[in-house]
Amino acid sequence: MRPDGKRVKGLSPIVAIVPYIMPKRYDAQNTVTEYIDEDLMKSYIREKRRSGVRINHMSIIMAAYYKAVLANPKLNYFIMNNRIYERNHFCVSFVMLKQRPDGTPDETVLKVFLHPDDTIFTINQRVQETIAKNEDASYANSMDKFASALFAVPGLVRFVVFLARHLDQVGLLPRAIIDLSPFHTSLFITNLASIKTSFIHHHCYEFGTTSVFVCMGKPVPGYALGDLDKRAMPMGVVMDERICTGYEYAAFCNDFRKNLRDLEGLERPFDGSAPEEPEESAAEEQQTEAAPEEQELAGV
């Protein structure tokens, strides 16, 4: 038993042997490009803004993805040391752009935990509050502080990463470190549309437990949607094929697409419990009524 999951037993021999045949995550990466109806998302974002709730693209993707995972739980599996594990939580890591005190651009990686009773509103609020806390140029989150401390001592980084990697393989890496690490995550997502850049197919990290990486790109004409009058947002998706079968991935993708066509459906708790009224976070209250298009697209 690992602190972040339990080993899956009772697998068919062909499924259980695959991680031994492809022991590295980069051996087992499959890629696909998905296209989302950008006009539909923008219309929904504007509608919610008129009602006083600010939602961005990344929160929509997270919500649709997580709801599909709840219906297809094997997408939250991960591989460690040739074994398949079921993660006991769901979290998302994402990159945020910020400025250093001297004004130069910098990046930090944030992590949020999602829950079955979440809605798109609670997910969006959690994302916005996490972003707002990290926007201060002088603020360093736990991961930033940990990395800075490692580099303060010559040779310490190499030793700590070596130790963490080996403790992780035998299931002894502490939960506190796992929760801190952005590489131990159910989903890693980045939004290149926020810097007006096309999507890429980003690798899943060999360090940690990332099984799926999603990269959002700047909108393109809707040829993939069969309608050139529309705009589509492309997403490069990279998956660890060892966590489930192709049929199960296809079922998940079908649910994910369905969720993105029914955005109002994301407003109800994913576990079927009674919904709560959305609250406008402090970060949202500080924003002006008008926002540029690139801010709408940004995950940050």
C-alpha atoms as a PDB file:
ATOM      1  CA  MET A   1       0.000   0.000   0.000  1.00  0.00           C
ATOM      2  CA  ARG A   2       1.364   3.368  -1.055  1.00  0.00           C
ATOM      3  CA  PRO A   3       0.255   6.589   0.673  1.00  0.00           C
ATOM      4  CA  ASP A   4      -1.313   7.786  -2.598  1.00  0.00           C
ATOM      5  CA  GLY A   5      -2.916   4.576  -3.799  1.00  0.00           C
ATOM      6  CA  LYS A   6      -3.311   0.822  -3.625  1.00  0.00           C
ATOM      7  CA  ARG A   7      -2.099  -1.840  -5.995  1.00  0.00           C
ATOM      8  CA  VAL A   8      -4.697  -3.131  -8.446  1.00  0.00           C
ATOM      9  CA  LYS A   9      -5.083  -6.901  -8.239  1.00  0.00           C
ATOM     10  CA  GLY A  10      -7.016  -9.423 -10.281  1.00  0.00           C
ATOM     11  CA  LEU A  11      -5.848  -8.007 -13.605  1.00  0.00           C
ATOM     12  CA  SER A  12      -5.790 -10.156 -16.710  1.00  0.00           C
ATOM     13  CA  PRO A  13      -2.299 -11.515 -17.471  1.00  0.00           C
ATOM     14  CA  ILE A  14      -1.946  -9.433 -20.644  1.00  0.00           C
ATOM     15  CA  VAL A  15      -2.745  -6.192 -18.772  1.00  0.00           C
ATOM     16  CA  ALA A  16      -0.509  -7.039 -15.812  1.00  0.00           C
ATOM     17  CA  ILE A  17       2.494  -7.882 -18.001  1.00  0.00           C
ATOM     18  CA  VAL A  18       2.424  -4.706 -20.118  1.00  0.00           C
ATOM     19  CA  PRO A  19       4.298  -2.533 -17.528  1.00  0.00           C
ATOM     20  CA  TYR A  20       7.103  -5.100 -17.561  1.00  0.00           C
ATOM     21  CA  ILE A  21       7.293  -5.056 -21.351  1.00  0.00           C
ATOM     22  CA  MET A  22       7.207  -1.228 -21.389  1.00  0.00           C
ATOM     23  CA  PRO A  23       8.833  -0.296 -18.048  1.00  0.00           C
ATOM     24  CA  LYS A  24       9.270   3.409 -18.822  1.00  0.00           C
ATOM     25  CA  ARG A  25       6.476   5.927 -19.192  1.00  0.00           C
ATOM     26  CA  TYR A  26       8.027   7.307 -22.376  1.00  0.00           C
ATOM     27  CA  ASP A  27       7.864   3.772 -23.847  1.00  0.00           C
ATOM     28  CA  ALA A  28       4.108   3.727 -23.387  1.00  0.00           C
ATOM     29  CA  GLN A  29       3.041   7.198 -24.526  1.00  0.00           C
ATOM     30  CA  ASN A  30       0.189   7.484 -26.998  1.00  0.00           C
ATOM     31  CA  THR A  31      -0.856  10.864 -28.371  1.00  0.00           C
ATOM     32  CA  VAL A  32      -4.068  12.273 -29.773  1.00  0.00           C
ATOM     33  CA  THR A  33      -5.311  15.734 -30.744  1.00  0.00           C
ATOM     34  CA  GLU A  34      -8.769  16.751 -29.561  1.00  0.00           C
ATOM     35  CA  TYR A  35     -10.700  19.792 -30.818  1.00  0.00           C
ATOM     36  CA  ILE A  36     -13.175  21.638 -28.593  1.00  0.00           C
ATOM     37  CA  ASP A  37     -15.912  24.004 -29.705  1.00  0.00           C
ATOM     38  CA  GLU A  38     -14.314  27.329 -28.721  1.00  0.00           C
ATOM     39  CA  ASP A  39     -17.431  29.338 -29.573  1.00  0.00           C
ATOM     40  CA  LEU A  40     -19.527  27.217 -27.219  1.00  0.00           C
ATOM     41  CA  MET A  41     -17.049  27.716 -24.375  1.00  0.00           C
ATOM     42  CA  LYS A  42     -16.783  31.461 -24.984  1.00  0.00           C
ATOM     43  CA  SER A  43     -20.570  31.793 -25.030  1.00  0.00           C
ATOM     44  CA  TYR A  44     -20.789  29.951 -21.706  1.00  0.00           C
ATOM     45  CA  ILE A  45     -18.003  32.060 -20.168  1.00  0.00           C
ATOM     46  CA  ARG A  46     -19.739  35.287 -21.214  1.00  0.00           C
ATOM     47  CA  GLU A  47     -23.095  34.081 -19.926  1.00  0.00           C
ATOM     48  CA  LYS A  48     -21.624  33.291 -16.508  1.00  0.00           C
ATOM     49  CA  ARG A  49     -19.771  36.618 -16.448  1.00  0.00           C
ATOM     50  CA  ARG A  50     -23.051  38.455 -16.923  1.00  0.00           C
ATOM     51  CA  SER A  51     -24.381  36.645 -13.860  1.00  0.00           C
ATOM     52  CA  GLY A  52     -21.300  37.673 -11.839  1.00  0.00           C
ATOM     53  CA  VAL A  53     -19.309  34.433 -12.013  1.00  0.00           C
ATOM     54  CA  ARG A  54     -15.941  34.422 -13.784  1.00  0.00           C
ATOM     55  CA  ILE A  55     -14.961  31.082 -15.284  1.00  0.00           C
ATOM     56  CA  ASN A  56     -11.948  30.428 -17.499  1.00  0.00           C
ATOM     57  CA  HIS A  57     -11.190  27.780 -20.087  1.00  0.00           C
ATOM     58  CA  MET A  58      -8.903  25.739 -17.872  1.00  0.00           C
ATOM     59  CA  SER A  59     -11.577  25.326 -15.182  1.00  0.00           C
ATOM     60  CA  ILE A  60     -14.012  24.085 -17.838  1.00  0.00           C
ATOM     61  CA  ILE A  61     -11.500  21.511 -19.116  1.00  0.00           C
ATOM     62  CA  MET A  62     -10.686  20.347 -15.570  1.00  0.00           C
ATOM     63  CA  ALA A  63     -14.353  19.960 -14.671  1.00  0.00           C
ATOM     64  CA  ALA A  64     -15.256  18.066 -17.859  1.00  0.00           C
ATOM     65  CA  TYR A  65     -12.194  15.843 -17.492  1.00  0.00           C
ATOM     66  CA  TYR A  66     -12.813  15.034 -13.827  1.00  0.00           C
ATOM     67  CA  LYS A  67     -16.491  14.245 -14.358  1.00  0.00           C
ATOM     68  CA  ALA A  68     -15.466  11.822 -17.125  1.00  0.00           C
ATOM     69  CA  VAL A  69     -12.878  10.225 -14.827  1.00  0.00           C
ATOM     70  CA  LEU A  70     -15.532   9.572 -12.176  1.00  0.00           C
ATOM     71  CA  ALA A  71     -17.411   7.565 -14.807  1.00  0.00           C
ATOM     72  CA  ASN A  72     -14.183   5.902 -15.993  1.00  0.00           C
ATOM     73  CA  PRO A  73     -12.034   5.497 -12.832  1.00  0.00           C
ATOM     74  CA  LYS A  74      -9.181   3.647 -14.535  1.00  0.00           C
ATOM     75  CA  LEU A  75      -8.063   7.000 -15.961  1.00  0.00           C
ATOM     76  CA  ASN A  76      -6.903   7.761 -12.402  1.00  0.00           C
ATOM     77  CA  TYR A  77      -4.599   4.723 -12.297  1.00  0.00           C
ATOM     78  CA  PHE A  78      -0.828   5.081 -12.454  1.00  0.00           C
ATOM     79  CA  ILE A  79       2.234   2.887 -12.937  1.00  0.00           C
ATOM     80  CA  MET A  80       5.074   2.628 -10.454  1.00  0.00           C
ATOM     81  CA  ASN A  81       7.832   0.015 -10.441  1.00  0.00           C
ATOM     82  CA  ASN A  82       6.062  -2.099 -13.097  1.00  0.00           C
ATOM     83  CA  ARG A  83       2.869  -2.253 -11.035  1.00  0.00           C
ATOM     84  CA  ILE A  84      -0.547  -0.693 -11.610  1.00  0.00           C
ATOM     85  CA  TYR A  85      -2.013   1.392  -8.778  1.00  0.00           C
ATOM     86  CA  GLU A  86      -5.390   2.999  -8.160  1.00  0.00           C
ATOM     87  CA  ARG A  87      -4.924   6.556  -6.891  1.00  0.00           C
ATOM     88  CA  ASN A  88      -6.877   7.358  -3.714  1.00  0.00           C
ATOM     89  CA  HIS A  89      -7.492  11.010  -4.655  1.00  0.00           C
ATOM     90  CA  PHE A  90      -7.702  13.198  -7.744  1.00  0.00           C
ATOM     91  CA  CYS A  91      -5.490  16.211  -8.338  1.00  0.00           C
ATOM     92  CA  VAL A  92      -4.455  18.464 -11.210  1.00  0.00           C
ATOM     93  CA  SER A  93      -1.098  20.177 -11.691  1.00  0.00           C
ATOM     94  CA  PHE A  94      -0.840  23.214 -13.944  1.00  0.00           C
ATOM     95  CA  VAL A  95       1.709  25.838 -14.928  1.00  0.00           C
ATOM     96  CA  MET A  96       1.237  29.476 -14.018  1.00  0.00           C
ATOM     97  CA  LEU A  97       3.110  32.450 -15.435  1.00  0.00           C
ATOM     98  CA  LYS A  98       4.181  35.100 -12.936  1.00  0.00           C
ATOM     99  CA  GLN A  99       6.716  37.890 -12.666  1.00  0.00           C
ATOM    100  CA  ARG A 100       9.790  37.996 -10.497  1.00  0.00           C
ATOM    101  CA  PRO A 101      10.319  41.048  -8.266  1.00  0.00           C
ATOM    102  CA  ASP A 102      12.597  42.499 -10.983  1.00  0.00           C
ATOM    103  CA  GLY A 103       9.803  42.219 -13.563  1.00  0.00           C
ATOM    104  CA  THR A 104      11.185  39.298 -15.592  1.00  0.00           C
ATOM    105  CA  PRO A 105       8.735  36.489 -16.457  1.00  0.00           C
ATOM    106  CA  ASP A 106       8.856  33.261 -14.508  1.00  0.00           C
ATOM    107  CA  GLU A 107       6.882  30.053 -14.103  1.00  0.00           C
ATOM    108  CA  THR A 108       5.598  28.135 -11.137  1.00  0.00           C
ATOM    109  CA  VAL A 109       3.604  24.913 -10.963  1.00  0.00           C
ATOM    110  CA  LEU A 110       0.422  24.749  -8.890  1.00  0.00           C
ATOM    111  CA  LYS A 111      -1.659  21.806  -7.759  1.00  0.00           C
ATOM    112  CA  VAL A 112      -5.326  21.557  -6.795  1.00  0.00           C
ATOM    113  CA  PHE A 113      -7.297  18.631  -5.400  1.00  0.00           C
ATOM    114  CA  LEU A 114     -10.785  17.850  -6.717  1.00  0.00           C
ATOM    115  CA  HIS A 115     -13.625  15.994  -4.982  1.00  0.00           C
ATOM    116  CA  PRO A 116     -16.644  13.977  -6.193  1.00  0.00           C
ATOM    117  CA  ASP A 117     -19.123  16.574  -4.870  1.00  0.00           C
ATOM    118  CA  ASP A 118     -17.430  19.350  -6.845  1.00  0.00           C
ATOM    119  CA  THR A 119     -19.087  21.365  -9.584  1.00  0.00           C
ATOM    120  CA  ILE A 120     -17.549  23.605 -12.210  1.00  0.00           C
ATOM    121  CA  PHE A 121     -18.125  26.492  -9.800  1.00  0.00           C
ATOM    122  CA  THR A 122     -16.242  24.976  -6.853  1.00  0.00           C
ATOM    123  CA  ILE A 123     -13.406  23.844  -9.119  1.00  0.00           C
ATOM    124  CA  ASN A 124     -13.158  27.274 -10.710  1.00  0.00           C
ATOM    125  CA  GLN A 125     -13.134  28.980  -7.309  1.00  0.00           C
ATOM    126  CA  ARG A 126     -10.361  26.701  -6.056  1.00  0.00           C
ATOM    127  CA  VAL A 127      -8.288  27.324  -9.181  1.00  0.00           C
ATOM    128  CA  GLN A 128      -8.774  31.100  -9.034  1.00  0.00           C
ATOM    129  CA  GLU A 129      -7.916  31.292  -5.328  1.00  0.00           C
ATOM    130  CA  THR A 130      -4.757  29.240  -5.882  1.00  0.00           C
ATOM    131  CA  ILE A 131      -3.737  31.490  -8.779  1.00  0.00           C
ATOM    132  CA  ALA A 132      -4.480  34.696  -6.865  1.00  0.00           C
ATOM    133  CA  LYS A 133      -2.327  33.588  -3.943  1.00  0.00           C
ATOM    134  CA  ASN A 134       0.603  32.865  -6.244  1.00  0.00           C
ATOM    135  CA  GLU A 135       0.373  36.006  -8.408  1.00  0.00           C
ATOM    136  CA  ASP A 136       2.326  38.079  -5.903  1.00  0.00           C
ATOM    137  CA  ALA A 137       5.875  38.334  -7.258  1.00  0.00           C
ATOM    138  CA  SER A 138       7.312  37.994  -3.744  1.00  0.00           C
ATOM    139  CA  TYR A 139       5.193  34.951  -2.858  1.00  0.00           C
ATOM    140  CA  ALA A 140       6.815  31.517  -3.011  1.00  0.00           C
ATOM    141  CA  ASN A 141       4.610  28.445  -2.700  1.00  0.00           C
ATOM    142  CA  SER A 142       5.702  25.269  -0.910  1.00  0.00           C
ATOM    143  CA  MET A 143       7.216  23.738  -4.037  1.00  0.00           C
ATOM    144  CA  ASP A 144       9.179  26.908  -4.825  1.00  0.00           C
ATOM    145  CA  LYS A 145      10.504  27.095  -1.264  1.00  0.00           C
ATOM    146  CA  PHE A 146      11.464  23.422  -1.291  1.00  0.00           C
ATOM    147  CA  ALA A 147      13.334  23.775  -4.604  1.00  0.00           C
ATOM    148  CA  SER A 148      15.128  26.914  -3.405  1.00  0.00           C
ATOM    149  CA  ALA A 149      16.251  25.130  -0.246  1.00  0.00           C
ATOM    150  CA  LEU A 150      17.664  22.241  -2.277  1.00  0.00           C
ATOM    151  CA  PHE A 151      19.731  24.523  -4.507  1.00  0.00           C
ATOM    152  CA  ALA A 152      21.099  26.356  -1.474  1.00  0.00           C
ATOM    153  CA  VAL A 153      23.334  23.371  -0.701  1.00  0.00           C
ATOM    154  CA  PRO A 154      25.722  22.150  -3.438  1.00  0.00           C
ATOM    155  CA  GLY A 155      24.954  18.589  -4.504  1.00  0.00           C
ATOM    156  CA  LEU A 156      21.789  18.346  -2.406  1.00  0.00           C
ATOM    157  CA  VAL A 157      19.421  18.378  -5.387  1.00  0.00           C
ATOM    158  CA  ARG A 158      21.005  15.318  -6.973  1.00  0.00           C
ATOM    159  CA  PHE A 159      20.892  13.377  -3.707  1.00  0.00           C
ATOM    160  CA  VAL A 160      17.312  14.308  -2.800  1.00  0.00           C
ATOM    161  CA  VAL A 161      15.938  13.494  -6.265  1.00  0.00           C
ATOM    162  CA  PHE A 162      17.840  10.177  -6.254  1.00  0.00           C
ATOM    163  CA  LEU A 163      16.450   9.342  -2.819  1.00  0.00           C
ATOM    164  CA  ALA A 164      12.903  10.424  -3.697  1.00  0.00           C
ATOM    165  CA  ARG A 165      12.919   8.384  -6.891  1.00  0.00           C
ATOM    166  CA  HIS A 166      13.972   5.204  -5.079  1.00  0.00           C
ATOM    167  CA  LEU A 167      11.629   5.722  -2.133  1.00  0.00           C
ATOM    168  CA  ASP A 168       8.813   6.261  -4.617  1.00  0.00           C
ATOM    169  CA  GLN A 169       9.562   2.993  -6.385  1.00  0.00           C
ATOM    170  CA  VAL A 170       9.195   0.988  -3.174  1.00  0.00           C
ATOM    171  CA  GLY A 171       6.179   2.951  -1.922  1.00  0.00           C
ATOM    172  CA  LEU A 172       7.963   4.721   0.933  1.00  0.00           C
ATOM    173  CA  LEU A 173       7.872   8.296  -0.312  1.00  0.00           C
ATOM    174  CA  PRO A 174       5.947  10.257   2.356  1.00  0.00           C
ATOM    175  CA  ARG A 175       2.480  11.559   1.504  1.00  0.00           C
ATOM    176  CA  ALA A 176       3.618  15.093   2.386  1.00  0.00           C
ATOM    177  CA  ILE A 177       6.198  14.962  -0.424  1.00  0.00           C
ATOM    178  CA  ILE A 178       3.710  13.391  -2.836  1.00  0.00           C
ATOM    179  CA  ASP A 179       1.183  16.156  -2.136  1.00  0.00           C
ATOM    180  CA  LEU A 180       3.914  18.741  -2.659  1.00  0.00           C
ATOM    181  CA  SER A 181       5.219  17.291  -5.934  1.00  0.00           C
ATOM    182  CA  PRO A 182       3.484  18.502  -9.113  1.00  0.00           C
ATOM    183  CA  PHE A 183       4.766  15.366 -10.857  1.00  0.00           C
ATOM    184  CA  HIS A 184       2.612  13.114  -8.649  1.00  0.00           C
ATOM    185  CA  THR A 185      -0.716  14.016 -10.187  1.00  0.00           C
ATOM    186  CA  SER A 186      -3.789  12.589 -11.869  1.00  0.00           C
ATOM    187  CA  LEU A 187      -3.589  15.145 -14.680  1.00  0.00           C
ATOM    188  CA  PHE A 188      -0.991  17.694 -15.760  1.00  0.00           C
ATOM    189  CA  ILE A 189      -2.409  20.514 -17.859  1.00  0.00           C
ATOM    190  CA  THR A 190      -0.921  23.604 -19.478  1.00  0.00           C
ATOM    191  CA  ASN A 191      -2.549  26.382 -21.482  1.00  0.00           C
ATOM    192  CA  LEU A 192      -0.372  27.689 -24.323  1.00  0.00           C
ATOM    193  CA  ALA A 193      -3.348  29.654 -25.636  1.00  0.00           C
ATOM    194  CA  SER A 194      -2.685  32.106 -22.798  1.00  0.00           C
ATOM    195  CA  ILE A 195       0.562  33.093 -24.544  1.00  0.00           C
ATOM    196  CA  LYS A 196      -0.981  32.842 -28.033  1.00  0.00           C
ATOM    197  CA  THR A 197       0.952  29.687 -28.902  1.00  0.00           C
ATOM    198  CA  SER A 198      -0.105  26.511 -30.664  1.00  0.00           C
ATOM    199  CA  PHE A 199      -0.524  23.312 -28.677  1.00  0.00           C
ATOM    200  CA  ILE A 200       2.111  20.611 -28.354  1.00  0.00           C
ATOM    201  CA  HIS A 201       2.062  16.942 -27.368  1.00  0.00           C
ATOM    202  CA  HIS A 202       3.903  17.214 -24.060  1.00  0.00           C
ATOM    203  CA  HIS A 203       5.585  14.132 -22.616  1.00  0.00           C
ATOM    204  CA  CYS A 204       4.427  12.554 -19.355  1.00  0.00           C
ATOM    205  CA  TYR A 205       7.207  12.763 -16.775  1.00  0.00           C
ATOM    206  CA  GLU A 206       9.089   9.609 -15.866  1.00  0.00           C
ATOM    207  CA  PHE A 207       9.571  10.990 -12.345  1.00  0.00           C
ATOM    208  CA  GLY A 208       6.340  10.815 -10.384  1.00  0.00           C
ATOM    209  CA  THR A 209       2.986   9.341 -11.411  1.00  0.00           C
ATOM    210  CA  THR A 210       1.590  11.555 -14.183  1.00  0.00           C
ATOM    211  CA  SER A 211      -0.445   9.351 -16.537  1.00  0.00           C
ATOM    212  CA  VAL A 212      -2.066  12.020 -18.742  1.00  0.00           C
ATOM    213  CA  PHE A 213      -0.794  15.395 -19.963  1.00  0.00           C
ATOM    214  CA  VAL A 214      -3.127  17.862 -21.698  1.00  0.00           C
ATOM    215  CA  CYS A 215      -1.875  20.941 -23.551  1.00  0.00           C
ATOM    216  CA  MET A 216      -4.367  23.583 -24.722  1.00  0.00           C
ATOM    217  CA  GLY A 217      -3.456  25.658 -27.788  1.00  0.00           C
ATOM    218  CA  LYS A 218      -4.646  28.875 -29.364  1.00  0.00           C
ATOM    219  CA  PRO A 219      -7.974  28.585 -31.247  1.00  0.00           C
ATOM    220  CA  VAL A 220      -7.995  27.649 -34.917  1.00  0.00           C
ATOM    221  CA  PRO A 221     -10.690  27.624 -37.647  1.00  0.00           C
ATOM    222  CA  GLY A 222     -13.256  24.928 -36.983  1.00  0.00           C
ATOM    223  CA  TYR A 223     -12.333  22.560 -39.800  1.00  0.00           C
ATOM    224  CA  ALA A 224     -12.043  19.698 -37.305  1.00  0.00           C
ATOM    225  CA  LEU A 225     -15.593  20.439 -36.147  1.00  0.00           C
ATOM    226  CA  GLY A 226     -16.882  20.420 -39.722  1.00  0.00           C
ATOM    227  CA  ASP A 227     -17.801  24.103 -39.583  1.00  0.00           C
ATOM    228  CA  LEU A 228     -15.360  26.760 -40.807  1.00  0.00           C
ATOM    229  CA  ASP A 229     -17.595  29.478 -39.375  1.00  0.00           C
ATOM    230  CA  LYS A 230     -16.693  28.252 -35.883  1.00  0.00           C
ATOM    231  CA  ARG A 231     -13.454  28.308 -33.936  1.00  0.00           C
ATOM    232  CA  ALA A 232     -11.971  25.259 -32.252  1.00  0.00           C
ATOM    233  CA  MET A 233      -9.485  24.969 -29.420  1.00  0.00           C
ATOM    234  CA  PRO A 234      -6.977  22.164 -30.118  1.00  0.00           C
ATOM    235  CA  MET A 235      -5.605  20.056 -27.281  1.00  0.00           C
ATOM    236  CA  GLY A 236      -2.593  17.799 -27.436  1.00  0.00           C
ATOM    237  CA  VAL A 237      -3.232  14.801 -25.185  1.00  0.00           C
ATOM    238  CA  VAL A 238      -0.480  12.368 -24.169  1.00  0.00           C
ATOM    239  CA  MET A 239      -1.508   9.193 -22.324  1.00  0.00           C
ATOM    240  CA  ASP A 240       0.235   6.313 -20.597  1.00  0.00           C
ATOM    241  CA  GLU A 241      -1.352   3.402 -22.442  1.00  0.00           C
ATOM    242  CA  ARG A 242      -0.528   0.937 -19.646  1.00  0.00           C
ATOM    243  CA  ILE A 243      -3.163   2.189 -17.178  1.00  0.00           C
ATOM    244  CA  CYS A 244      -6.158   0.875 -19.125  1.00  0.00           C
ATOM    245  CA  THR A 245      -7.237  -0.628 -22.433  1.00  0.00           C
ATOM    246  CA  GLY A 246      -7.888   1.248 -25.642  1.00  0.00           C
ATOM    247  CA  TYR A 247     -11.613   0.549 -25.252  1.00  0.00           C
ATOM    248  CA  GLU A 248     -11.614   2.182 -21.808  1.00  0.00           C
ATOM    249  CA  TYR A 249      -9.718   5.204 -23.120  1.00  0.00           C
ATOM    250  CA  ALA A 250     -12.285   5.508 -25.924  1.00  0.00           C
ATOM    251  CA  ALA A 251     -15.173   5.366 -23.431  1.00  0.00           C
ATOM    252  CA  PHE A 252     -13.517   8.083 -21.366  1.00  0.00           C
ATOM    253  CA  CYS A 253     -12.944  10.317 -24.410  1.00  0.00           C
ATOM    254  CA  ASN A 254     -16.585   9.911 -25.402  1.00  0.00           C
ATOM    255  CA  ASP A 255     -17.713  11.050 -21.926  1.00  0.00           C
ATOM    256  CA  PHE A 256     -15.193  13.909 -21.924  1.00  0.00           C
ATOM    257  CA  ARG A 257     -16.495  15.210 -25.261  1.00  0.00           C
ATOM    258  CA  LYS A 258     -20.094  14.827 -24.071  1.00  0.00           C
ATOM    259  CA  ASN A 259     -19.331  16.888 -20.957  1.00  0.00           C
ATOM    260  CA  LEU A 260     -17.826  19.648 -23.099  1.00  0.00           C
ATOM    261  CA  ARG A 261     -21.009  19.776 -25.185  1.00  0.00           C
ATOM    262  CA  ASP A 262     -23.188  20.050 -22.067  1.00  0.00           C
ATOM    263  CA  LEU A 263     -21.490  22.704 -19.946  1.00  0.00           C
ATOM    264  CA  GLU A 264     -24.626  23.357 -17.885  1.00  0.00           C
ATOM    265  CA  GLY A 265     -24.395  19.723 -16.779  1.00  0.00           C
ATOM    266  CA  LEU A 266     -21.105  20.556 -15.068  1.00  0.00           C
ATOM    267  CA  GLU A 267     -22.975  22.897 -12.717  1.00  0.00           C
ATOM    268  CA  ARG A 268     -24.476  19.965 -10.807  1.00  0.00           C
ATOM    269  CA  PRO A 269     -22.366  18.067  -8.235  1.00  0.00           C
ATOM    270  CA  PHE A 270     -20.657  15.216 -10.000  1.00  0.00           C
ATOM    271  CA  ASP A 271     -21.695  12.721  -7.309  1.00  0.00           C
ATOM    272  CA  GLY A 272     -25.372  13.640  -7.591  1.00  0.00           C
ATOM    273  CA  SER A 273     -25.626  15.460  -4.254  1.00  0.00           C
ATOM    274  CA  ALA A 274     -27.604  18.673  -3.779  1.00  0.00           C
ATOM    275  CA  PRO A 275     -25.973  21.647  -5.555  1.00  0.00           C
ATOM    276  CA  GLU A 276     -24.801  24.787  -3.793  1.00  0.00           C
ATOM    277  CA  GLU A 277     -25.076  28.300  -5.148  1.00  0.00           C
ATOM    278  CA  PRO A 278     -21.815  29.478  -6.756  1.00  0.00           C
ATOM    279  CA  GLU A 279     -19.836  32.039  -4.808  1.00  0.00           C
ATOM    280  CA  GLU A 280     -17.670  34.737  -6.306  1.00  0.00           C
ATOM    281  CA  SER A 281     -14.179  34.369  -4.870  1.00  0.00           C
ATOM    282  CA  ALA A 282     -12.133  37.259  -3.526  1.00  0.00           C
ATOM    283  CA  ALA A 283      -9.821  36.899  -6.527  1.00  0.00           C
ATOM    284  CA  GLU A 284     -12.766  37.276  -8.899  1.00  0.00           C
ATOM    285  CA  GLU A 285     -14.171  40.288  -7.029  1.00  0.00           C
ATOM    286  CA  GLN A 286     -10.884  42.118  -7.578  1.00  0.00           C
ATOM    287  CA  GLN A 287     -11.041  41.706 -11.357  1.00  0.00           C
ATOM    288  CA  THR A 288     -12.577  44.428 -13.525  1.00  0.00           C
ATOM    289  CA  GLU A 289     -15.816  43.896 -15.402  1.00  0.00           C
ATOM    290  CA  ALA A 290     -14.052  43.865 -18.770  1.00  0.00           C
ATOM    291  CA  ALA A 291     -11.256  41.450 -19.519  1.00  0.00           C
ATOM    292  CA  PRO A 292      -9.228  40.974 -22.698  1.00  0.00           C
ATOM    293  CA  GLU A 293      -9.775  37.846 -24.727  1.00  0.00           C
ATOM    294  CA  GLU A 294      -6.364  36.489 -23.878  1.00  0.00           C
ATOM    295  CA  GLN A 295      -7.244  36.649 -20.177  1.00  0.00           C
ATOM    296  CA  GLU A 296     -10.351  34.581 -20.855  1.00  0.00           C
ATOM    297  CA  LEU A 297      -8.248  31.985 -22.618  1.00  0.00           C
ATOM    298  CA  ALA A 298      -5.584  31.895 -19.975  1.00  0.00           C
ATOM    299  CA  GLY A 299      -5.377  29.228 -17.354  1.00  0.00           C
ATOM    300  CA  VAL A 300      -3.617  31.847 -15.294  1.00  0.00           C
END
